[in-house]
Amino acid sequence: MDTFDAINQRRSVKAFDPDHRFTAAEETKLLEAAIQSPTSFNMQNWRFVIVRE
């Protein structure tokens, strides 16, 4: 996906399924993608909190 596709396909979610649960594989994939996000001065000082309930 290029930048313009990402911009044009964005959406805002107004309702969430409170009963949805990520699988362990989905959770891992999401965290791995988040780790790739840029940080200020390349410090990698992110903190992730997984809320399951």
PDB file of N, CA and C in Angstrom:
ATOM      1  N   MET A   1       0.855  -1.172   0.000  1.00  0.00           N
ATOM      2  CA  MET A   1       0.000   0.000   0.000  1.00  0.00           C
ATOM      3  C   MET A   1       0.902   1.236   0.000  1.00  0.00           C
ATOM      4  N   ASP A   2       0.599   2.169  -0.887  1.00  0.00           N
ATOM      5  CA  ASP A   2       1.387   3.393  -0.876  1.00  0.00           C
ATOM      6  C   ASP A   2       0.738   4.451   0.019  1.00  0.00           C
ATOM      7  N   THR A   3       1.393   5.542   0.169  1.00  0.00           N
ATOM      8  CA  THR A   3       0.944   6.584   1.099  1.00  0.00           C
ATOM      9  C   THR A   3      -0.443   7.101   0.757  1.00  0.00           C
ATOM     10  N   PHE A   4      -0.703   7.348  -0.512  1.00  0.00           N
ATOM     11  CA  PHE A   4      -2.000   7.894  -0.900  1.00  0.00           C
ATOM     12  C   PHE A   4      -3.126   6.899  -0.670  1.00  0.00           C
ATOM     13  N   ASP A   5      -2.871   5.617  -0.893  1.00  0.00           N
ATOM     14  CA  ASP A   5      -3.879   4.592  -0.586  1.00  0.00           C
ATOM     15  C   ASP A   5      -4.167   4.569   0.905  1.00  0.00           C
ATOM     16  N   ALA A   6      -3.132   4.647   1.712  1.00  0.00           N
ATOM     17  CA  ALA A   6      -3.320   4.637   3.163  1.00  0.00           C
ATOM     18  C   ALA A   6      -4.150   5.837   3.610  1.00  0.00           C
ATOM     19  N   ILE A   7      -3.875   7.005   3.045  1.00  0.00           N
ATOM     20  CA  ILE A   7      -4.630   8.210   3.406  1.00  0.00           C
ATOM     21  C   ILE A   7      -6.083   8.088   2.969  1.00  0.00           C
ATOM     22  N   ASN A   8      -6.312   7.622   1.756  1.00  0.00           N
ATOM     23  CA  ASN A   8      -7.671   7.549   1.214  1.00  0.00           C
ATOM     24  C   ASN A   8      -8.507   6.436   1.827  1.00  0.00           C
ATOM     25  N   GLN A   9      -7.881   5.399   2.358  1.00  0.00           N
ATOM     26  CA  GLN A   9      -8.625   4.268   2.911  1.00  0.00           C
ATOM     27  C   GLN A   9      -8.777   4.324   4.424  1.00  0.00           C
ATOM     28  N   ARG A  10      -8.315   5.391   5.049  1.00  0.00           N
ATOM     29  CA  ARG A  10      -8.424   5.485   6.502  1.00  0.00           C
ATOM     30  C   ARG A  10      -9.894   5.593   6.911  1.00  0.00           C
ATOM     31  N   ARG A  11     -10.177   5.211   8.132  1.00  0.00           N
ATOM     32  CA  ARG A  11     -11.546   5.325   8.621  1.00  0.00           C
ATOM     33  C   ARG A  11     -11.527   5.468  10.132  1.00  0.00           C
ATOM     34  N   SER A  12     -12.600   6.037  10.624  1.00  0.00           N
ATOM     35  CA  SER A  12     -12.748   6.222  12.059  1.00  0.00           C
ATOM     36  C   SER A  12     -13.788   5.219  12.554  1.00  0.00           C
ATOM     37  N   VAL A  13     -13.432   4.449  13.560  1.00  0.00           N
ATOM     38  CA  VAL A  13     -14.332   3.432  14.092  1.00  0.00           C
ATOM     39  C   VAL A  13     -15.086   4.033  15.266  1.00  0.00           C
ATOM     40  N   LYS A  14     -16.411   3.977  15.189  1.00  0.00           N
ATOM     41  CA  LYS A  14     -17.236   4.587  16.230  1.00  0.00           C
ATOM     42  C   LYS A  14     -17.854   3.554  17.170  1.00  0.00           C
ATOM     43  N   ALA A  15     -17.793   2.295  16.794  1.00  0.00           N
ATOM     44  CA  ALA A  15     -18.367   1.241  17.636  1.00  0.00           C
ATOM     45  C   ALA A  15     -17.391   0.072  17.683  1.00  0.00           C
ATOM     46  N   PHE A  16     -17.283  -0.514  18.852  1.00  0.00           N
ATOM     47  CA  PHE A  16     -16.357  -1.623  19.038  1.00  0.00           C
ATOM     48  C   PHE A  16     -17.113  -2.813  19.611  1.00  0.00           C
ATOM     49  N   ASP A  17     -16.674  -3.998  19.260  1.00  0.00           N
ATOM     50  CA  ASP A  17     -17.274  -5.218  19.787  1.00  0.00           C
ATOM     51  C   ASP A  17     -16.589  -5.544  21.112  1.00  0.00           C
ATOM     52  N   PRO A  18     -17.274  -5.372  22.235  1.00  0.00           N
ATOM     53  CA  PRO A  18     -16.638  -5.611  23.532  1.00  0.00           C
ATOM     54  C   PRO A  18     -16.300  -7.079  23.773  1.00  0.00           C
ATOM     55  N   ASP A  19     -16.862  -7.981  22.972  1.00  0.00           N
ATOM     56  CA  ASP A  19     -16.610  -9.413  23.150  1.00  0.00           C
ATOM     57  C   ASP A  19     -15.479  -9.942  22.268  1.00  0.00           C
ATOM     58  N   HIS A  20     -14.959  -9.086  21.387  1.00  0.00           N
ATOM     59  CA  HIS A  20     -13.884  -9.529  20.485  1.00  0.00           C
ATOM     60  C   HIS A  20     -12.599  -9.752  21.275  1.00  0.00           C
ATOM     61  N   ARG A  21     -11.898 -10.825  20.955  1.00  0.00           N
ATOM     62  CA  ARG A  21     -10.603 -11.127  21.571  1.00  0.00           C
ATOM     63  C   ARG A  21      -9.605 -11.433  20.461  1.00  0.00           C
ATOM     64  N   PHE A  22      -8.422 -10.850  20.557  1.00  0.00           N
ATOM     65  CA  PHE A  22      -7.356 -11.176  19.623  1.00  0.00           C
ATOM     66  C   PHE A  22      -6.819 -12.560  19.943  1.00  0.00           C
ATOM     67  N   THR A  23      -6.407 -13.267  18.904  1.00  0.00           N
ATOM     68  CA  THR A  23      -5.691 -14.520  19.137  1.00  0.00           C
ATOM     69  C   THR A  23      -4.262 -14.155  19.544  1.00  0.00           C
ATOM     70  N   ALA A  24      -3.545 -15.106  20.081  1.00  0.00           N
ATOM     71  CA  ALA A  24      -2.150 -14.853  20.463  1.00  0.00           C
ATOM     72  C   ALA A  24      -1.324 -14.449  19.244  1.00  0.00           C
ATOM     73  N   ALA A  25      -1.589 -15.064  18.103  1.00  0.00           N
ATOM     74  CA  ALA A  25      -0.850 -14.737  16.871  1.00  0.00           C
ATOM     75  C   ALA A  25      -1.153 -13.312  16.414  1.00  0.00           C
ATOM     76  N   GLU A  26      -2.419 -12.899  16.496  1.00  0.00           N
ATOM     77  CA  GLU A  26      -2.786 -11.532  16.112  1.00  0.00           C
ATOM     78  C   GLU A  26      -2.138 -10.512  17.049  1.00  0.00           C
ATOM     79  N   GLU A  27      -2.129 -10.827  18.332  1.00  0.00           N
ATOM     80  CA  GLU A  27      -1.525  -9.936  19.317  1.00  0.00           C
ATOM     81  C   GLU A  27      -0.028  -9.767  19.059  1.00  0.00           C
ATOM     82  N   THR A  28       0.640 -10.861  18.771  1.00  0.00           N
ATOM     83  CA  THR A  28       2.070 -10.821  18.470  1.00  0.00           C
ATOM     84  C   THR A  28       2.339 -10.005  17.210  1.00  0.00           C
ATOM     85  N   LYS A  29       1.538 -10.224  16.176  1.00  0.00           N
ATOM     86  CA  LYS A  29       1.717  -9.497  14.917  1.00  0.00           C
ATOM     87  C   LYS A  29       1.518  -7.998  15.125  1.00  0.00           C
ATOM     88  N   LEU A  30       0.519  -7.621  15.914  1.00  0.00           N
ATOM     89  CA  LEU A  30       0.252  -6.213  16.195  1.00  0.00           C
ATOM     90  C   LEU A  30       1.405  -5.577  16.976  1.00  0.00           C
ATOM     91  N   LEU A  31       1.914  -6.282  17.978  1.00  0.00           N
ATOM     92  CA  LEU A  31       3.033  -5.758  18.759  1.00  0.00           C
ATOM     93  C   LEU A  31       4.300  -5.636  17.908  1.00  0.00           C
ATOM     94  N   GLU A  32       4.538  -6.605  17.037  1.00  0.00           N
ATOM     95  CA  GLU A  32       5.705  -6.536  16.150  1.00  0.00           C
ATOM     96  C   GLU A  32       5.608  -5.339  15.211  1.00  0.00           C
ATOM     97  N   ALA A  33       4.398  -5.035  14.730  1.00  0.00           N
ATOM     98  CA  ALA A  33       4.213  -3.862  13.875  1.00  0.00           C
ATOM     99  C   ALA A  33       4.418  -2.579  14.674  1.00  0.00           C
ATOM    100  N   ALA A  34       3.926  -2.547  15.905  1.00  0.00           N
ATOM    101  CA  ALA A  34       4.080  -1.352  16.742  1.00  0.00           C
ATOM    102  C   ALA A  34       5.546  -1.081  17.050  1.00  0.00           C
ATOM    103  N   ILE A  35       6.330  -2.129  17.229  1.00  0.00           N
ATOM    104  CA  ILE A  35       7.760  -1.968  17.519  1.00  0.00           C
ATOM    105  C   ILE A  35       8.479  -1.298  16.353  1.00  0.00           C
ATOM    106  N   GLN A  36       7.953  -1.448  15.151  1.00  0.00           N
ATOM    107  CA  GLN A  36       8.569  -0.850  13.973  1.00  0.00           C
ATOM    108  C   GLN A  36       8.270   0.645  13.836  1.00  0.00           C
ATOM    109  N   SER A  37       7.399   1.185  14.699  1.00  0.00           N
ATOM    110  CA  SER A  37       7.044   2.598  14.598  1.00  0.00           C
ATOM    111  C   SER A  37       8.251   3.466  14.965  1.00  0.00           C
ATOM    112  N   PRO A  38       8.375   4.614  14.285  1.00  0.00           N
ATOM    113  CA  PRO A  38       9.519   5.478  14.565  1.00  0.00           C
ATOM    114  C   PRO A  38       9.403   6.135  15.940  1.00  0.00           C
ATOM    115  N   THR A  39      10.547   6.443  16.521  1.00  0.00           N
ATOM    116  CA  THR A  39      10.573   7.124  17.812  1.00  0.00           C
ATOM    117  C   THR A  39      11.451   8.362  17.706  1.00  0.00           C
ATOM    118  N   SER A  40      11.256   9.288  18.587  1.00  0.00           N
ATOM    119  CA  SER A  40      12.036  10.514  18.600  1.00  0.00           C
ATOM    120  C   SER A  40      13.510  10.183  18.844  1.00  0.00           C
ATOM    121  N   PHE A  41      14.358  10.671  17.989  1.00  0.00           N
ATOM    122  CA  PHE A  41      15.803  10.452  18.080  1.00  0.00           C
ATOM    123  C   PHE A  41      16.179   8.970  18.080  1.00  0.00           C
ATOM    124  N   ASN A  42      15.279   8.104  17.558  1.00  0.00           N
ATOM    125  CA  ASN A  42      15.525   6.670  17.461  1.00  0.00           C
ATOM    126  C   ASN A  42      15.860   6.046  18.821  1.00  0.00           C
ATOM    127  N   MET A  43      15.161   6.495  19.865  1.00  0.00           N
ATOM    128  CA  MET A  43      15.452   6.041  21.227  1.00  0.00           C
ATOM    129  C   MET A  43      14.723   4.745  21.611  1.00  0.00           C
ATOM    130  N   GLN A  44      13.704   4.345  20.849  1.00  0.00           N
ATOM    131  CA  GLN A  44      12.905   3.148  21.144  1.00  0.00           C
ATOM    132  C   GLN A  44      12.425   3.124  22.601  1.00  0.00           C
ATOM    133  N   ASN A  45      11.897   4.230  23.045  1.00  0.00           N
ATOM    134  CA  ASN A  45      11.437   4.308  24.427  1.00  0.00           C
ATOM    135  C   ASN A  45       9.920   4.117  24.536  1.00  0.00           C
ATOM    136  N   TRP A  46       9.357   3.270  23.671  1.00  0.00           N
ATOM    137  CA  TRP A  46       7.933   3.030  23.736  1.00  0.00           C
ATOM    138  C   TRP A  46       7.600   2.089  24.875  1.00  0.00           C
ATOM    139  N   ARG A  47       6.363   2.173  25.300  1.00  0.00           N
ATOM    140  CA  ARG A  47       5.827   1.262  26.317  1.00  0.00           C
ATOM    141  C   ARG A  47       4.506   0.741  25.780  1.00  0.00           C
ATOM    142  N   PHE A  48       4.294  -0.551  25.881  1.00  0.00           N
ATOM    143  CA  PHE A  48       3.055  -1.142  25.391  1.00  0.00           C
ATOM    144  C   PHE A  48       2.289  -1.715  26.576  1.00  0.00           C
ATOM    145  N   VAL A  49       0.999  -1.476  26.591  1.00  0.00           N
ATOM    146  CA  VAL A  49       0.138  -2.008  27.633  1.00  0.00           C
ATOM    147  C   VAL A  49      -0.941  -2.823  26.938  1.00  0.00           C
ATOM    148  N   ILE A  50      -1.069  -4.075  27.304  1.00  0.00           N
ATOM    149  CA  ILE A  50      -2.099  -4.934  26.732  1.00  0.00           C
ATOM    150  C   ILE A  50      -3.238  -5.019  27.746  1.00  0.00           C
ATOM    151  N   VAL A  51      -4.394  -4.514  27.338  1.00  0.00           N
ATOM    152  CA  VAL A  51      -5.577  -4.531  28.200  1.00  0.00           C
ATOM    153  C   VAL A  51      -6.504  -5.592  27.658  1.00  0.00           C
ATOM    154  N   ARG A  52      -6.801  -6.578  28.456  1.00  0.00           N
ATOM    155  CA  ARG A  52      -7.632  -7.686  27.984  1.00  0.00           C
ATOM    156  C   ARG A  52      -9.041  -7.635  28.572  1.00  0.00           C
ATOM    157  N   GLU A  53      -9.251  -6.879  29.603  1.00  0.00           N
ATOM    158  CA  GLU A  53     -10.586  -6.773  30.196  1.00  0.00           C
ATOM    159  C   GLU A  53     -10.849  -5.344  30.574  1.00  0.00           C
TER     160      GLU A  53
END
